[in-house]
N, C-alpha and C. Protein backbone atom coordinates (compact mmCIF):
# COMPACT_ATOMS: atom_id res chain seq x y z
N MET A 1 247.84 -126.62 -125.30
CA MET A 1 248.64 -126.15 -124.18
C MET A 1 250.08 -126.65 -124.29
N LEU A 2 250.27 -127.90 -124.72
CA LEU A 2 251.62 -128.43 -124.89
C LEU A 2 252.38 -127.63 -125.93
N LYS A 3 251.70 -127.27 -127.00
CA LYS A 3 252.33 -126.50 -128.08
C LYS A 3 252.85 -125.16 -127.54
N THR A 4 252.06 -124.51 -126.73
CA THR A 4 252.45 -123.22 -126.15
C THR A 4 253.69 -123.39 -125.26
N LYS A 5 253.71 -124.46 -124.47
CA LYS A 5 254.84 -124.68 -123.57
C LYS A 5 256.12 -124.97 -124.34
N VAL A 6 256.04 -125.83 -125.34
CA VAL A 6 257.23 -126.16 -126.13
C VAL A 6 257.72 -124.93 -126.88
N GLU A 7 256.79 -124.16 -127.44
CA GLU A 7 257.14 -122.94 -128.16
C GLU A 7 257.84 -121.95 -127.22
N SER A 8 257.33 -121.80 -126.02
CA SER A 8 257.93 -120.90 -125.04
C SER A 8 259.33 -121.34 -124.65
N LEU A 9 259.52 -122.64 -124.46
CA LEU A 9 260.85 -123.15 -124.11
C LEU A 9 261.84 -122.90 -125.23
N LEU A 10 261.41 -123.11 -126.48
CA LEU A 10 262.29 -122.85 -127.62
C LEU A 10 262.65 -121.37 -127.69
N PHE A 11 261.69 -120.51 -127.43
CA PHE A 11 261.90 -119.07 -127.52
C PHE A 11 262.91 -118.59 -126.48
N ILE A 12 262.80 -119.07 -125.27
CA ILE A 12 263.62 -118.56 -124.17
C ILE A 12 264.98 -119.23 -124.10
N SER A 13 265.16 -120.39 -124.69
CA SER A 13 266.42 -121.11 -124.58
C SER A 13 267.51 -120.45 -125.42
N ASN A 14 268.68 -120.31 -124.83
CA ASN A 14 269.81 -119.72 -125.54
C ASN A 14 270.66 -120.77 -126.25
N LYS A 15 270.20 -122.01 -126.22
CA LYS A 15 270.92 -123.09 -126.89
C LYS A 15 269.90 -124.08 -127.46
N PRO A 16 270.33 -124.93 -128.40
CA PRO A 16 269.39 -125.92 -128.95
C PRO A 16 268.88 -126.85 -127.87
N LEU A 17 267.63 -127.29 -128.04
CA LEU A 17 267.01 -128.23 -127.10
C LEU A 17 266.76 -129.55 -127.81
N THR A 18 266.99 -130.64 -127.11
CA THR A 18 266.64 -131.95 -127.64
C THR A 18 265.22 -132.29 -127.21
N VAL A 19 264.62 -133.21 -127.93
CA VAL A 19 263.28 -133.67 -127.57
C VAL A 19 263.32 -134.25 -126.16
N LYS A 20 264.37 -135.01 -125.87
CA LYS A 20 264.51 -135.63 -124.55
C LYS A 20 264.57 -134.57 -123.45
N THR A 21 265.31 -133.50 -123.69
CA THR A 21 265.41 -132.42 -122.70
C THR A 21 264.05 -131.79 -122.44
N VAL A 22 263.29 -131.53 -123.49
CA VAL A 22 261.96 -130.94 -123.35
C VAL A 22 261.04 -131.88 -122.58
N VAL A 23 261.04 -133.15 -122.97
CA VAL A 23 260.17 -134.14 -122.31
C VAL A 23 260.54 -134.24 -120.83
N ASN A 24 261.82 -134.38 -120.53
CA ASN A 24 262.25 -134.52 -119.13
C ASN A 24 261.90 -133.30 -118.31
N PHE A 25 262.08 -132.11 -118.88
CA PHE A 25 261.74 -130.89 -118.14
C PHE A 25 260.24 -130.82 -117.87
N LEU A 26 259.42 -131.09 -118.89
CA LEU A 26 257.97 -131.02 -118.70
C LEU A 26 257.49 -132.07 -117.70
N LYS A 27 258.08 -133.26 -117.73
CA LYS A 27 257.72 -134.29 -116.74
C LYS A 27 258.09 -133.84 -115.34
N LYS A 28 259.26 -133.23 -115.22
CA LYS A 28 259.69 -132.72 -113.92
C LYS A 28 258.72 -131.67 -113.39
N GLU A 29 258.08 -130.94 -114.31
CA GLU A 29 257.10 -129.92 -113.95
C GLU A 29 255.69 -130.47 -113.80
N GLY A 30 255.56 -131.80 -113.84
CA GLY A 30 254.26 -132.43 -113.60
C GLY A 30 253.43 -132.71 -114.83
N GLU A 31 253.98 -132.51 -116.01
CA GLU A 31 253.25 -132.77 -117.25
C GLU A 31 253.33 -134.26 -117.60
N ASP A 32 252.23 -134.82 -118.07
CA ASP A 32 252.22 -136.20 -118.57
C ASP A 32 252.38 -136.12 -120.08
N VAL A 33 253.63 -136.22 -120.55
CA VAL A 33 253.92 -135.99 -121.96
C VAL A 33 254.81 -137.11 -122.49
N LYS A 34 254.60 -137.45 -123.76
CA LYS A 34 255.38 -138.49 -124.41
C LYS A 34 256.28 -137.86 -125.46
N LYS A 35 257.36 -138.56 -125.77
CA LYS A 35 258.32 -138.09 -126.77
C LYS A 35 257.64 -137.84 -128.11
N THR A 36 256.74 -138.73 -128.51
CA THR A 36 256.07 -138.59 -129.81
C THR A 36 255.20 -137.34 -129.85
N GLU A 37 254.60 -136.97 -128.71
CA GLU A 37 253.78 -135.76 -128.66
C GLU A 37 254.64 -134.51 -128.86
N VAL A 38 255.80 -134.48 -128.23
CA VAL A 38 256.70 -133.33 -128.37
C VAL A 38 257.23 -133.26 -129.80
N GLU A 39 257.56 -134.41 -130.39
CA GLU A 39 258.02 -134.43 -131.78
C GLU A 39 256.94 -133.89 -132.72
N GLU A 40 255.68 -134.24 -132.47
CA GLU A 40 254.57 -133.75 -133.31
C GLU A 40 254.42 -132.24 -133.16
N VAL A 41 254.52 -131.75 -131.93
CA VAL A 41 254.42 -130.31 -131.69
C VAL A 41 255.56 -129.58 -132.39
N LEU A 42 256.76 -130.12 -132.30
CA LEU A 42 257.90 -129.49 -132.98
C LEU A 42 257.70 -129.45 -134.49
N SER A 43 257.14 -130.50 -135.03
CA SER A 43 256.84 -130.53 -136.46
C SER A 43 255.82 -129.44 -136.83
N GLN A 44 254.80 -129.29 -135.99
CA GLN A 44 253.80 -128.25 -136.22
C GLN A 44 254.41 -126.85 -136.12
N LEU A 45 255.30 -126.67 -135.17
CA LEU A 45 255.95 -125.36 -135.00
C LEU A 45 256.86 -125.05 -136.18
N LYS A 46 257.56 -126.04 -136.68
CA LYS A 46 258.40 -125.82 -137.86
C LYS A 46 257.54 -125.40 -139.04
N GLU A 47 256.39 -126.05 -139.19
CA GLU A 47 255.48 -125.71 -140.29
C GLU A 47 254.95 -124.28 -140.12
N LYS A 48 254.66 -123.90 -138.88
CA LYS A 48 254.13 -122.57 -138.59
C LYS A 48 255.16 -121.48 -138.87
N TYR A 49 256.39 -121.68 -138.46
CA TYR A 49 257.40 -120.63 -138.52
C TYR A 49 258.26 -120.62 -139.78
N ASN A 50 258.50 -121.76 -140.36
CA ASN A 50 259.49 -121.83 -141.45
C ASN A 50 258.91 -121.43 -142.79
N SER A 51 258.56 -120.14 -142.87
CA SER A 51 258.13 -119.56 -144.13
C SER A 51 258.83 -118.21 -144.26
N PRO A 52 259.01 -117.73 -145.48
CA PRO A 52 259.77 -116.48 -145.70
C PRO A 52 259.18 -115.25 -145.02
N ASP A 53 257.88 -115.26 -144.71
CA ASP A 53 257.27 -114.06 -144.14
C ASP A 53 257.27 -114.04 -142.61
N ASN A 54 257.98 -114.96 -141.97
CA ASN A 54 258.07 -114.97 -140.51
C ASN A 54 259.44 -114.48 -140.06
N GLY A 55 259.48 -113.79 -138.95
CA GLY A 55 260.74 -113.31 -138.39
C GLY A 55 261.52 -114.40 -137.68
N PHE A 56 260.84 -115.47 -137.31
CA PHE A 56 261.48 -116.58 -136.62
C PHE A 56 261.38 -117.84 -137.46
N GLN A 57 262.32 -118.74 -137.22
CA GLN A 57 262.27 -120.07 -137.81
C GLN A 57 262.73 -121.06 -136.76
N ILE A 58 262.37 -122.31 -136.98
CA ILE A 58 262.83 -123.36 -136.09
C ILE A 58 263.74 -124.25 -136.91
N ILE A 59 264.99 -124.34 -136.47
CA ILE A 59 265.93 -125.19 -137.18
C ILE A 59 266.11 -126.49 -136.41
N GLN A 60 266.47 -127.52 -137.16
CA GLN A 60 266.65 -128.85 -136.58
C GLN A 60 267.96 -129.42 -137.09
N SER A 61 268.74 -129.92 -136.17
CA SER A 61 269.97 -130.63 -136.50
C SER A 61 269.97 -131.90 -135.68
N GLY A 62 269.63 -133.01 -136.35
CA GLY A 62 269.48 -134.26 -135.62
C GLY A 62 268.30 -134.16 -134.68
N ASP A 63 268.56 -134.35 -133.40
CA ASP A 63 267.50 -134.27 -132.39
C ASP A 63 267.48 -132.90 -131.70
N ASN A 64 268.28 -131.96 -132.17
CA ASN A 64 268.36 -130.62 -131.59
C ASN A 64 267.47 -129.65 -132.35
N TYR A 65 266.71 -128.84 -131.59
CA TYR A 65 265.83 -127.84 -132.17
C TYR A 65 266.15 -126.50 -131.53
N GLN A 66 266.10 -125.45 -132.36
CA GLN A 66 266.31 -124.12 -131.82
C GLN A 66 265.52 -123.10 -132.63
N MET A 67 264.96 -122.11 -131.92
CA MET A 67 264.27 -121.01 -132.57
C MET A 67 265.31 -119.95 -132.90
N VAL A 68 265.33 -119.52 -134.16
CA VAL A 68 266.31 -118.54 -134.63
C VAL A 68 265.60 -117.47 -135.44
N THR A 69 266.31 -116.40 -135.73
CA THR A 69 265.73 -115.37 -136.59
C THR A 69 265.82 -115.81 -138.04
N ASN A 70 264.96 -115.25 -138.85
CA ASN A 70 264.93 -115.55 -140.28
C ASN A 70 266.26 -115.13 -140.91
N PRO A 71 266.89 -116.03 -141.68
CA PRO A 71 268.18 -115.68 -142.31
C PRO A 71 268.11 -114.44 -143.20
N ASP A 72 266.94 -114.14 -143.76
CA ASP A 72 266.79 -112.94 -144.60
C ASP A 72 267.00 -111.66 -143.81
N SER A 73 266.90 -111.74 -142.50
CA SER A 73 267.08 -110.56 -141.63
C SER A 73 268.47 -110.50 -141.03
N ALA A 74 269.39 -111.34 -141.50
CA ALA A 74 270.72 -111.45 -140.89
C ALA A 74 271.45 -110.12 -140.80
N ASP A 75 271.48 -109.36 -141.88
CA ASP A 75 272.19 -108.07 -141.87
C ASP A 75 271.58 -107.10 -140.86
N LEU A 76 270.26 -107.03 -140.85
CA LEU A 76 269.56 -106.16 -139.91
C LEU A 76 269.87 -106.57 -138.46
N ILE A 77 269.82 -107.85 -138.18
CA ILE A 77 270.08 -108.37 -136.83
C ILE A 77 271.52 -108.07 -136.43
N LYS A 78 272.47 -108.28 -137.33
CA LYS A 78 273.87 -108.01 -137.02
C LYS A 78 274.08 -106.55 -136.63
N LYS A 79 273.47 -105.63 -137.37
CA LYS A 79 273.60 -104.20 -137.07
C LYS A 79 272.97 -103.87 -135.72
N PHE A 80 271.79 -104.43 -135.46
CA PHE A 80 271.10 -104.18 -134.20
C PHE A 80 271.91 -104.71 -133.03
N VAL A 81 272.38 -105.94 -133.14
CA VAL A 81 273.16 -106.56 -132.06
C VAL A 81 274.46 -105.79 -131.84
N LYS A 82 275.10 -105.36 -132.93
CA LYS A 82 276.33 -104.59 -132.80
C LYS A 82 276.07 -103.30 -132.04
N ASP A 83 275.01 -102.60 -132.39
CA ASP A 83 274.65 -101.37 -131.68
C ASP A 83 274.34 -101.66 -130.22
N ASP A 84 273.61 -102.74 -129.99
CA ASP A 84 273.21 -103.12 -128.64
C ASP A 84 274.41 -103.56 -127.80
N MET A 85 275.37 -104.21 -128.45
CA MET A 85 276.49 -104.79 -127.73
C MET A 85 277.69 -103.86 -127.57
N THR A 86 277.72 -102.77 -128.31
CA THR A 86 278.87 -101.88 -128.20
C THR A 86 278.64 -100.79 -127.16
N GLY A 87 277.43 -100.65 -126.70
CA GLY A 87 277.14 -99.66 -125.67
C GLY A 87 277.62 -100.13 -124.31
N GLU A 88 277.51 -99.25 -123.35
CA GLU A 88 277.92 -99.59 -121.99
C GLU A 88 276.95 -100.60 -121.38
N LEU A 89 277.44 -101.34 -120.42
CA LEU A 89 276.58 -102.28 -119.69
C LEU A 89 275.66 -101.50 -118.76
N THR A 90 274.44 -101.97 -118.64
CA THR A 90 273.49 -101.36 -117.72
C THR A 90 273.88 -101.72 -116.28
N PRO A 91 273.37 -100.99 -115.31
CA PRO A 91 273.64 -101.37 -113.92
C PRO A 91 273.20 -102.80 -113.61
N ALA A 92 272.06 -103.22 -114.16
CA ALA A 92 271.60 -104.60 -113.93
C ALA A 92 272.55 -105.62 -114.54
N SER A 93 273.09 -105.31 -115.72
CA SER A 93 274.06 -106.21 -116.36
C SER A 93 275.35 -106.28 -115.56
N LEU A 94 275.80 -105.14 -115.07
CA LEU A 94 277.01 -105.11 -114.25
C LEU A 94 276.83 -105.90 -112.96
N GLU A 95 275.67 -105.77 -112.35
CA GLU A 95 275.38 -106.51 -111.13
C GLU A 95 275.37 -108.01 -111.40
N THR A 96 274.71 -108.40 -112.48
CA THR A 96 274.65 -109.81 -112.84
C THR A 96 276.04 -110.35 -113.14
N LEU A 97 276.82 -109.60 -113.89
CA LEU A 97 278.18 -110.01 -114.23
C LEU A 97 279.03 -110.15 -112.97
N THR A 98 278.86 -109.26 -112.02
CA THR A 98 279.59 -109.34 -110.77
C THR A 98 279.24 -110.60 -109.99
N VAL A 99 277.97 -110.92 -109.92
CA VAL A 99 277.54 -112.13 -109.22
C VAL A 99 278.11 -113.37 -109.91
N VAL A 100 278.06 -113.41 -111.23
CA VAL A 100 278.61 -114.56 -111.97
C VAL A 100 280.12 -114.66 -111.72
N ALA A 101 280.81 -113.53 -111.71
CA ALA A 101 282.25 -113.54 -111.50
C ALA A 101 282.61 -114.07 -110.11
N TYR A 102 281.90 -113.61 -109.10
CA TYR A 102 282.24 -114.00 -107.74
C TYR A 102 281.67 -115.35 -107.34
N ARG A 103 280.54 -115.74 -107.91
CA ARG A 103 279.89 -116.99 -107.47
C ARG A 103 279.97 -118.11 -108.50
N GLY A 104 280.47 -117.84 -109.70
CA GLY A 104 280.50 -118.84 -110.75
C GLY A 104 281.36 -120.04 -110.41
N PRO A 105 281.06 -121.18 -110.95
CA PRO A 105 279.91 -121.44 -111.83
C PRO A 105 278.61 -121.40 -111.03
N ILE A 106 277.61 -120.75 -111.62
CA ILE A 106 276.34 -120.53 -110.93
C ILE A 106 275.19 -120.82 -111.90
N THR A 107 274.12 -121.40 -111.38
CA THR A 107 272.95 -121.66 -112.23
C THR A 107 272.12 -120.40 -112.33
N LYS A 108 271.26 -120.36 -113.32
CA LYS A 108 270.36 -119.22 -113.51
C LYS A 108 269.46 -119.07 -112.29
N ALA A 109 268.99 -120.19 -111.75
CA ALA A 109 268.11 -120.15 -110.58
C ALA A 109 268.82 -119.54 -109.38
N GLU A 110 270.08 -119.93 -109.15
CA GLU A 110 270.84 -119.37 -108.03
C GLU A 110 271.06 -117.88 -108.24
N LEU A 111 271.39 -117.51 -109.46
CA LEU A 111 271.61 -116.10 -109.79
C LEU A 111 270.36 -115.27 -109.53
N GLU A 112 269.22 -115.80 -109.97
CA GLU A 112 267.96 -115.09 -109.78
C GLU A 112 267.57 -115.02 -108.31
N GLN A 113 267.95 -116.04 -107.53
CA GLN A 113 267.66 -116.00 -106.10
C GLN A 113 268.48 -114.90 -105.43
N ILE A 114 269.73 -114.76 -105.85
CA ILE A 114 270.58 -113.71 -105.28
C ILE A 114 270.09 -112.33 -105.70
N ARG A 115 269.80 -112.16 -106.99
CA ARG A 115 269.39 -110.84 -107.49
C ARG A 115 267.93 -110.53 -107.21
N GLY A 116 267.09 -111.54 -107.12
CA GLY A 116 265.68 -111.32 -106.84
C GLY A 116 264.85 -110.96 -108.06
N VAL A 117 265.41 -111.11 -109.27
CA VAL A 117 264.69 -110.81 -110.51
C VAL A 117 265.07 -111.83 -111.58
N ASN A 118 264.26 -111.88 -112.64
CA ASN A 118 264.54 -112.75 -113.77
C ASN A 118 265.78 -112.22 -114.51
N CYS A 119 266.70 -113.12 -114.82
CA CYS A 119 267.96 -112.71 -115.43
C CYS A 119 268.14 -113.25 -116.85
N SER A 120 267.10 -113.78 -117.47
CA SER A 120 267.22 -114.41 -118.78
C SER A 120 267.80 -113.48 -119.84
N LEU A 121 267.21 -112.30 -120.00
CA LEU A 121 267.67 -111.39 -121.04
C LEU A 121 269.06 -110.84 -120.75
N ILE A 122 269.34 -110.57 -119.51
CA ILE A 122 270.67 -110.07 -119.15
C ILE A 122 271.72 -111.13 -119.44
N LEU A 123 271.43 -112.38 -119.07
CA LEU A 123 272.37 -113.47 -119.35
C LEU A 123 272.59 -113.63 -120.85
N ARG A 124 271.52 -113.52 -121.61
CA ARG A 124 271.62 -113.63 -123.07
C ARG A 124 272.55 -112.55 -123.61
N ASN A 125 272.38 -111.33 -123.15
CA ASN A 125 273.23 -110.23 -123.61
C ASN A 125 274.68 -110.42 -123.18
N LEU A 126 274.91 -110.91 -121.97
CA LEU A 126 276.27 -111.16 -121.52
C LEU A 126 276.92 -112.30 -122.31
N LEU A 127 276.11 -113.30 -122.67
CA LEU A 127 276.61 -114.40 -123.51
C LEU A 127 276.99 -113.88 -124.89
N ILE A 128 276.12 -113.06 -125.48
CA ILE A 128 276.39 -112.49 -126.81
C ILE A 128 277.65 -111.64 -126.78
N ARG A 129 277.84 -110.88 -125.72
CA ARG A 129 279.02 -110.01 -125.62
C ARG A 129 280.29 -110.82 -125.35
N GLY A 130 280.13 -112.08 -125.00
CA GLY A 130 281.30 -112.92 -124.73
C GLY A 130 281.89 -112.70 -123.35
N LEU A 131 281.10 -112.16 -122.44
CA LEU A 131 281.57 -111.92 -121.08
C LEU A 131 281.31 -113.10 -120.15
N VAL A 132 280.27 -113.87 -120.44
CA VAL A 132 279.99 -115.10 -119.70
C VAL A 132 279.82 -116.23 -120.69
N GLU A 133 279.98 -117.45 -120.18
CA GLU A 133 279.76 -118.64 -120.99
C GLU A 133 278.91 -119.61 -120.21
N ALA A 134 278.19 -120.45 -120.94
CA ALA A 134 277.31 -121.43 -120.33
C ALA A 134 277.87 -122.82 -120.61
N SER A 135 277.74 -123.69 -119.64
CA SER A 135 278.13 -125.09 -119.83
C SER A 135 277.22 -125.95 -118.96
N GLU A 136 277.24 -127.23 -119.23
CA GLU A 136 276.39 -128.13 -118.47
C GLU A 136 277.17 -128.72 -117.31
N ASN A 137 276.58 -128.67 -116.12
CA ASN A 137 277.18 -129.27 -114.94
C ASN A 137 277.10 -130.79 -115.11
N ASN A 138 278.24 -131.47 -115.07
CA ASN A 138 278.28 -132.92 -115.30
C ASN A 138 277.53 -133.71 -114.24
N ILE A 139 277.42 -133.19 -113.06
CA ILE A 139 276.76 -133.92 -111.97
C ILE A 139 275.25 -133.73 -112.01
N SER A 140 274.79 -132.48 -112.02
CA SER A 140 273.35 -132.20 -111.95
C SER A 140 272.69 -132.09 -113.32
N GLY A 141 273.47 -131.80 -114.36
CA GLY A 141 272.89 -131.60 -115.68
C GLY A 141 272.36 -130.19 -115.89
N ASP A 142 272.45 -129.35 -114.86
CA ASP A 142 271.99 -127.96 -114.96
C ASP A 142 272.98 -127.14 -115.78
N THR A 143 272.48 -126.09 -116.40
CA THR A 143 273.35 -125.16 -117.10
C THR A 143 273.92 -124.20 -116.07
N VAL A 144 275.24 -124.04 -116.11
CA VAL A 144 275.91 -123.13 -115.19
C VAL A 144 276.63 -122.05 -116.00
N PHE A 145 276.77 -120.89 -115.38
CA PHE A 145 277.39 -119.74 -116.03
C PHE A 145 278.65 -119.34 -115.28
N ARG A 146 279.65 -118.93 -116.05
CA ARG A 146 280.90 -118.43 -115.49
C ARG A 146 281.43 -117.35 -116.42
N VAL A 147 282.34 -116.54 -115.91
CA VAL A 147 282.93 -115.50 -116.75
C VAL A 147 283.90 -116.14 -117.73
N THR A 148 284.13 -115.44 -118.84
CA THR A 148 285.00 -115.97 -119.89
C THR A 148 286.44 -115.47 -119.72
N VAL A 149 287.31 -116.05 -120.51
CA VAL A 149 288.70 -115.60 -120.56
C VAL A 149 288.75 -114.16 -121.06
N ASP A 150 287.88 -113.83 -122.01
CA ASP A 150 287.84 -112.44 -122.52
C ASP A 150 287.52 -111.46 -121.40
N PHE A 151 286.60 -111.82 -120.51
CA PHE A 151 286.28 -110.97 -119.36
C PHE A 151 287.53 -110.74 -118.52
N LEU A 152 288.25 -111.83 -118.23
CA LEU A 152 289.46 -111.73 -117.41
C LEU A 152 290.53 -110.89 -118.12
N LYS A 153 290.70 -111.10 -119.44
CA LYS A 153 291.69 -110.32 -120.20
C LYS A 153 291.34 -108.84 -120.17
N HIS A 154 290.04 -108.52 -120.33
CA HIS A 154 289.61 -107.12 -120.34
C HIS A 154 289.95 -106.42 -119.02
N LEU A 155 289.83 -107.17 -117.92
CA LEU A 155 290.13 -106.58 -116.61
C LEU A 155 291.60 -106.74 -116.22
N GLY A 156 292.38 -107.47 -117.03
CA GLY A 156 293.79 -107.67 -116.73
C GLY A 156 294.02 -108.62 -115.57
N LEU A 157 293.16 -109.62 -115.44
CA LEU A 157 293.26 -110.58 -114.34
C LEU A 157 293.77 -111.92 -114.85
N ASN A 158 294.46 -112.65 -113.98
CA ASN A 158 294.90 -114.01 -114.33
C ASN A 158 293.80 -115.03 -114.07
N GLY A 159 292.90 -114.72 -113.16
CA GLY A 159 291.78 -115.60 -112.82
C GLY A 159 290.82 -114.85 -111.94
N VAL A 160 289.64 -115.43 -111.74
CA VAL A 160 288.63 -114.75 -110.91
C VAL A 160 289.12 -114.57 -109.47
N GLU A 161 290.06 -115.42 -109.07
CA GLU A 161 290.60 -115.32 -107.71
C GLU A 161 291.29 -113.98 -107.47
N ASP A 162 291.69 -113.30 -108.56
CA ASP A 162 292.35 -111.99 -108.45
C ASP A 162 291.37 -110.84 -108.23
N LEU A 163 290.07 -111.11 -108.28
CA LEU A 163 289.08 -110.06 -108.02
C LEU A 163 289.18 -109.60 -106.56
N PRO A 164 288.91 -108.34 -106.28
CA PRO A 164 288.96 -107.85 -104.90
C PRO A 164 288.00 -108.63 -103.99
N ASP A 165 288.49 -109.02 -102.83
CA ASP A 165 287.68 -109.72 -101.82
C ASP A 165 287.05 -111.01 -102.35
N TYR A 166 287.69 -111.64 -103.33
CA TYR A 166 287.12 -112.83 -103.95
C TYR A 166 286.85 -113.94 -102.92
N GLU A 167 287.83 -114.24 -102.10
CA GLU A 167 287.67 -115.34 -101.14
C GLU A 167 286.51 -115.09 -100.17
N LYS A 168 286.37 -113.85 -99.72
CA LYS A 168 285.29 -113.52 -98.79
C LYS A 168 283.92 -113.64 -99.45
N LEU A 169 283.82 -113.23 -100.72
CA LEU A 169 282.51 -113.18 -101.37
C LEU A 169 282.16 -114.46 -102.15
N HIS A 170 283.12 -115.34 -102.32
CA HIS A 170 282.87 -116.55 -103.12
C HIS A 170 282.06 -117.59 -102.35
N THR A 171 282.18 -117.64 -101.04
CA THR A 171 281.46 -118.66 -100.27
C THR A 171 280.05 -118.20 -99.95
N VAL A 172 279.13 -119.15 -99.86
CA VAL A 172 277.72 -118.85 -99.65
C VAL A 172 277.50 -118.11 -98.34
N GLU A 173 278.13 -118.55 -97.28
CA GLU A 173 277.91 -117.92 -95.99
C GLU A 173 278.28 -116.44 -96.02
N ASN A 174 279.46 -116.14 -96.58
CA ASN A 174 279.89 -114.75 -96.63
C ASN A 174 279.01 -113.91 -97.55
N LEU A 175 278.55 -114.48 -98.63
CA LEU A 175 277.68 -113.74 -99.54
C LEU A 175 276.38 -113.37 -98.85
N GLU A 176 275.78 -114.34 -98.15
CA GLU A 176 274.53 -114.06 -97.45
C GLU A 176 274.74 -113.00 -96.37
N GLN A 177 275.86 -113.09 -95.66
CA GLN A 177 276.18 -112.10 -94.63
C GLN A 177 276.40 -110.73 -95.27
N PHE A 178 277.11 -110.68 -96.38
CA PHE A 178 277.36 -109.43 -97.09
C PHE A 178 276.04 -108.79 -97.53
N ILE A 179 275.13 -109.61 -98.11
CA ILE A 179 273.83 -109.10 -98.56
C ILE A 179 273.04 -108.55 -97.39
N GLU A 180 273.05 -109.27 -96.26
CA GLU A 180 272.33 -108.79 -95.07
C GLU A 180 272.93 -107.47 -94.57
N ASN A 181 274.25 -107.38 -94.55
CA ASN A 181 274.92 -106.15 -94.11
C ASN A 181 274.59 -104.99 -95.03
N GLN A 182 274.57 -105.22 -96.33
CA GLN A 182 274.25 -104.17 -97.30
C GLN A 182 272.81 -103.70 -97.10
N SER A 183 271.90 -104.66 -96.84
CA SER A 183 270.50 -104.30 -96.60
C SER A 183 270.37 -103.46 -95.35
N ALA A 184 271.11 -103.80 -94.30
CA ALA A 184 271.07 -103.05 -93.05
C ALA A 184 271.60 -101.64 -93.25
N VAL A 185 272.68 -101.50 -94.02
CA VAL A 185 273.27 -100.19 -94.28
C VAL A 185 272.27 -99.31 -95.06
N LYS A 186 271.61 -99.90 -96.05
CA LYS A 186 270.65 -99.14 -96.85
C LYS A 186 269.46 -98.69 -96.01
N GLN A 187 269.05 -99.54 -95.05
CA GLN A 187 267.90 -99.18 -94.21
C GLN A 187 268.27 -98.04 -93.26
N GLU A 188 269.54 -98.00 -92.83
CA GLU A 188 269.98 -96.93 -91.93
C GLU A 188 270.07 -95.58 -92.64
N GLU A 189 270.30 -95.63 -93.97
CA GLU A 189 270.46 -94.38 -94.73
C GLU A 189 269.17 -93.70 -94.89
């Protein structure tokens, strides 16, 4: 069961994970796990994936581990990502980008609470496109998302403050009121 959990965390993470990060997260979730157990699982996963006939590999740099695609598939992946990233944004991606722009820096959990759906894949695509960036909050240690300079340049803005109605929509109270008003309008229609 531990192996499945560590493998899942590696798969879903958009950045390298340290053993300490994995251990701390699992403990926070109620798991009784030791650093040596996670290190053993990571070793087993590297053995499982790091062969030429697998599409995924687990790379290690110091204490950082990340699941990546097989380097032999690099050209194929580049073409696929280019095709995927040059198309228009989906309505869900636009909605997510709007929330990040108006509420950033925002955690994934806060974003999902506002949108009401899982945003992992959308965030990954926005990160790949260079429209949002992730950083660690120095106080809480959570990963927070904000729009990039490229996003602002594309829209011709000097800062997110230049977005329409930014001040009204940036605060939590106004956002909740706006969402309630939008829900009421939709119910009347």
